[in-house]
Amino acid sequence: MTRWQPLPATLPREARHLVEQLRVLKGRTGLSLAGLARRTAYSKSSWQRYLNGDRLPPRGATQMLGRLAGGDQARLLALWELAEQAWPQGASEPAAEAAPGPAGPARPVEPAKPSIGQRRWRTAALAASALAALLAAGLWWALPRRADGSAAARPGGVLSRACRSTRSSRSRRP
């Protein structure tokens, strides 16, 4: 069982209730944070922020966790809507400001890395695009060309071997 850190004291009751419910659902899945990240479109660090009450989870993340755990979707989304209204301003926005470093001066916050699911989707999309481009190029190359460089239409049918041989024999008259 995961030992969670205490939720921030400034977290409103509605938001606290949502996070506690998400923790229960996460425990019901039996997945680690890394496992949860592999099964959803959200990174391990994002899940950690959501389940520690540091950030309001996106509606989609809440739905995904609910589906994975077999939770009541309508109740969970109602909790999310209440939490969204009560969540402290700025806490639901991604961290774009500078965070203090270990030595004290501010340093820029790096964006979260895409999850494995997002990377697989991007790879599949790139492969499909490359395949479509290759097919289009192959079709363009296979079209017959006229002397002026424009594409010519193919004849309606293919001549049989016998028909071709009679044509060629007529042109070879002695």
Protein backbone atom coordinates (compact mmCIF):
# COMPACT_ATOMS: atom_id res chain seq x y z
CA MET A 1 0.00 0.00 0.00
CA THR A 2 1.23 3.46 -0.87
CA ARG A 3 1.97 5.79 2.02
CA TRP A 4 0.70 9.17 0.98
CA GLN A 5 1.98 12.45 2.29
CA PRO A 6 -0.60 14.56 4.12
CA LEU A 7 -2.70 16.79 1.88
CA PRO A 8 -1.99 20.54 2.01
CA ALA A 9 -3.91 22.29 4.78
CA THR A 10 -4.94 25.00 2.30
CA LEU A 11 -6.74 22.49 0.08
CA PRO A 12 -10.53 23.08 0.15
CA ARG A 13 -12.80 20.32 1.44
CA GLU A 14 -14.20 19.53 -2.05
CA ALA A 15 -10.72 19.20 -3.53
CA ARG A 16 -9.57 17.10 -0.56
CA HIS A 17 -12.51 14.77 -1.08
CA LEU A 18 -11.65 14.30 -4.79
CA VAL A 19 -7.98 13.57 -4.07
CA GLU A 20 -8.89 11.08 -1.33
CA GLN A 21 -11.27 9.32 -3.74
CA LEU A 22 -8.56 9.21 -6.43
CA ARG A 23 -6.16 7.68 -3.90
CA VAL A 24 -8.71 4.97 -3.09
CA LEU A 25 -9.22 4.25 -6.80
CA LYS A 26 -5.47 4.15 -7.45
CA GLY A 27 -5.11 1.65 -4.59
CA ARG A 28 -7.94 -0.43 -6.05
CA THR A 29 -6.07 -0.76 -9.37
CA GLY A 30 -3.02 -2.24 -7.65
CA LEU A 31 -0.80 -0.23 -9.98
CA SER A 32 2.26 1.76 -9.00
CA LEU A 33 2.54 5.36 -10.21
CA ALA A 34 4.78 4.14 -13.05
CA GLY A 35 2.23 1.47 -13.93
CA LEU A 36 -0.54 4.05 -13.87
CA ALA A 37 1.52 6.26 -16.19
CA ARG A 38 1.98 3.36 -18.61
CA ARG A 39 -1.76 2.68 -18.71
CA THR A 40 -2.81 6.33 -19.15
CA ALA A 41 -1.71 9.41 -21.07
CA TYR A 42 -0.32 11.06 -17.91
CA SER A 43 3.23 10.79 -16.58
CA LYS A 44 4.28 9.34 -13.24
CA SER A 45 5.20 12.79 -11.93
CA SER A 46 1.81 14.18 -13.00
CA TRP A 47 0.00 11.40 -11.11
CA GLN A 48 2.17 12.13 -8.11
CA ARG A 49 1.17 15.82 -8.20
CA TYR A 50 -2.52 14.93 -8.61
CA LEU A 51 -2.55 12.36 -5.81
CA ASN A 52 -0.61 14.62 -3.43
CA GLY A 53 -3.08 17.47 -3.95
CA ASP A 54 -0.50 19.73 -5.60
CA ARG A 55 -2.44 20.05 -8.87
CA LEU A 56 -6.04 19.56 -9.92
CA PRO A 57 -6.04 16.50 -12.16
CA PRO A 58 -7.47 17.05 -15.63
CA ARG A 59 -10.95 15.72 -16.16
CA GLY A 60 -9.56 13.08 -18.56
CA ALA A 61 -7.11 11.77 -15.95
CA THR A 62 -9.93 11.46 -13.44
CA GLN A 63 -12.03 9.55 -15.96
CA MET A 64 -9.17 7.21 -16.90
CA LEU A 65 -8.43 6.33 -13.29
CA GLY A 66 -12.13 5.77 -12.67
CA ARG A 67 -12.33 3.38 -15.64
CA LEU A 68 -9.20 1.49 -14.61
CA ALA A 69 -10.50 1.02 -11.07
CA GLY A 70 -14.10 0.35 -12.07
CA GLY A 71 -15.36 3.37 -10.13
CA ASP A 72 -18.69 5.16 -10.48
CA GLN A 73 -17.97 7.58 -13.34
CA ALA A 74 -20.93 9.90 -12.70
CA ARG A 75 -20.05 10.32 -9.02
CA LEU A 76 -16.37 10.80 -9.78
CA LEU A 77 -17.04 13.50 -12.39
CA ALA A 78 -19.42 15.26 -9.99
CA LEU A 79 -16.62 15.28 -7.39
CA TRP A 80 -14.21 16.62 -10.02
CA GLU A 81 -16.56 19.48 -10.96
CA LEU A 82 -16.98 20.49 -7.31
CA ALA A 83 -13.22 20.31 -6.77
CA GLU A 84 -12.54 22.37 -9.90
CA GLN A 85 -14.77 25.17 -8.61
CA ALA A 86 -13.15 25.13 -5.17
CA TRP A 87 -9.53 24.51 -6.22
CA PRO A 88 -7.18 27.39 -5.32
CA GLN A 89 -6.54 29.70 -8.27
CA GLY A 90 -3.36 28.90 -10.18
CA ALA A 91 -3.01 25.43 -8.68
CA SER A 92 -4.70 23.78 -11.63
CA GLU A 93 -2.47 25.52 -14.16
CA PRO A 94 0.76 23.80 -15.28
CA ALA A 95 3.87 25.16 -13.60
CA ALA A 96 5.26 27.76 -15.99
CA GLU A 97 6.89 29.95 -13.39
CA ALA A 98 10.43 29.50 -12.15
CA ALA A 99 11.01 27.17 -9.23
CA PRO A 100 13.68 27.85 -6.62
CA GLY A 101 16.74 25.68 -7.08
CA PRO A 102 18.79 24.03 -4.35
CA ALA A 103 21.15 27.03 -4.17
CA GLY A 104 18.29 29.52 -3.92
CA PRO A 105 18.16 31.29 -7.32
CA ALA A 106 15.22 30.56 -9.59
CA ARG A 107 15.66 28.13 -12.46
CA PRO A 108 13.14 27.31 -15.22
CA VAL A 109 10.84 24.35 -14.70
CA GLU A 110 11.20 21.65 -17.34
CA PRO A 111 8.02 20.40 -19.00
CA ALA A 112 6.90 16.84 -18.25
CA LYS A 113 8.10 14.17 -20.65
CA PRO A 114 5.43 12.50 -22.79
CA SER A 115 4.21 9.16 -21.47
CA ILE A 116 4.97 5.89 -23.22
CA GLY A 117 1.43 5.84 -24.64
CA GLN A 118 1.89 9.29 -26.14
CA ARG A 119 5.26 8.31 -27.64
CA ARG A 120 3.80 5.12 -29.15
CA TRP A 121 0.94 7.10 -30.65
CA ARG A 122 3.34 9.63 -32.17
CA THR A 123 5.50 6.84 -33.58
CA ALA A 124 2.47 5.12 -35.11
CA ALA A 125 1.26 8.41 -36.60
CA LEU A 126 4.68 9.11 -38.13
CA ALA A 127 4.88 5.59 -39.56
CA ALA A 128 1.40 5.91 -41.08
CA SER A 129 2.27 9.29 -42.60
CA ALA A 130 5.49 7.92 -44.10
CA LEU A 131 3.63 4.93 -45.54
CA ALA A 132 0.98 7.19 -47.08
CA ALA A 133 3.70 9.37 -48.63
CA LEU A 134 5.46 6.32 -50.08
CA LEU A 135 2.23 4.99 -51.55
CA ALA A 136 1.40 8.35 -53.11
CA ALA A 137 4.90 8.61 -54.59
CA GLY A 138 4.67 5.06 -55.96
CA LEU A 139 1.33 5.76 -57.61
CA TRP A 140 2.62 8.97 -59.12
CA TRP A 141 5.70 7.18 -60.46
CA ALA A 142 3.64 4.30 -61.92
CA LEU A 143 1.34 6.54 -64.00
CA PRO A 144 2.19 6.48 -67.71
CA ARG A 145 3.52 9.76 -69.12
CA ARG A 146 2.88 11.52 -72.41
CA ALA A 147 5.63 13.13 -74.42
CA ASP A 148 4.67 16.56 -73.01
CA GLY A 149 5.21 15.27 -69.44
CA SER A 150 1.54 15.09 -68.40
CA ALA A 151 -0.06 11.88 -67.17
CA ALA A 152 -1.85 9.80 -69.77
CA ALA A 153 -4.93 7.70 -69.12
CA ARG A 154 -4.50 3.95 -69.34
CA PRO A 155 -6.43 2.13 -72.08
CA GLY A 156 -9.72 0.56 -71.03
CA GLY A 157 -8.58 -3.05 -71.45
CA VAL A 158 -5.48 -5.13 -71.86
CA LEU A 159 -4.91 -6.71 -75.25
CA SER A 160 -4.68 -10.47 -75.28
CA ARG A 161 -1.51 -12.20 -76.48
CA ALA A 162 -3.29 -13.42 -79.61
CA CYS A 163 -4.52 -9.96 -80.50
CA ARG A 164 -1.05 -8.48 -80.03
CA SER A 165 0.53 -11.17 -82.17
CA THR A 166 -1.89 -10.55 -85.07
CA ARG A 167 -1.22 -6.84 -84.92
CA SER A 168 2.50 -7.35 -85.00
CA SER A 169 2.23 -9.89 -87.83
CA ARG A 170 0.23 -7.44 -89.97
CA SER A 171 2.87 -4.79 -89.62
CA ARG A 172 5.65 -7.21 -90.65
CA ARG A 173 4.28 -8.06 -94.11
CA PRO A 174 6.91 -9.12 -96.56
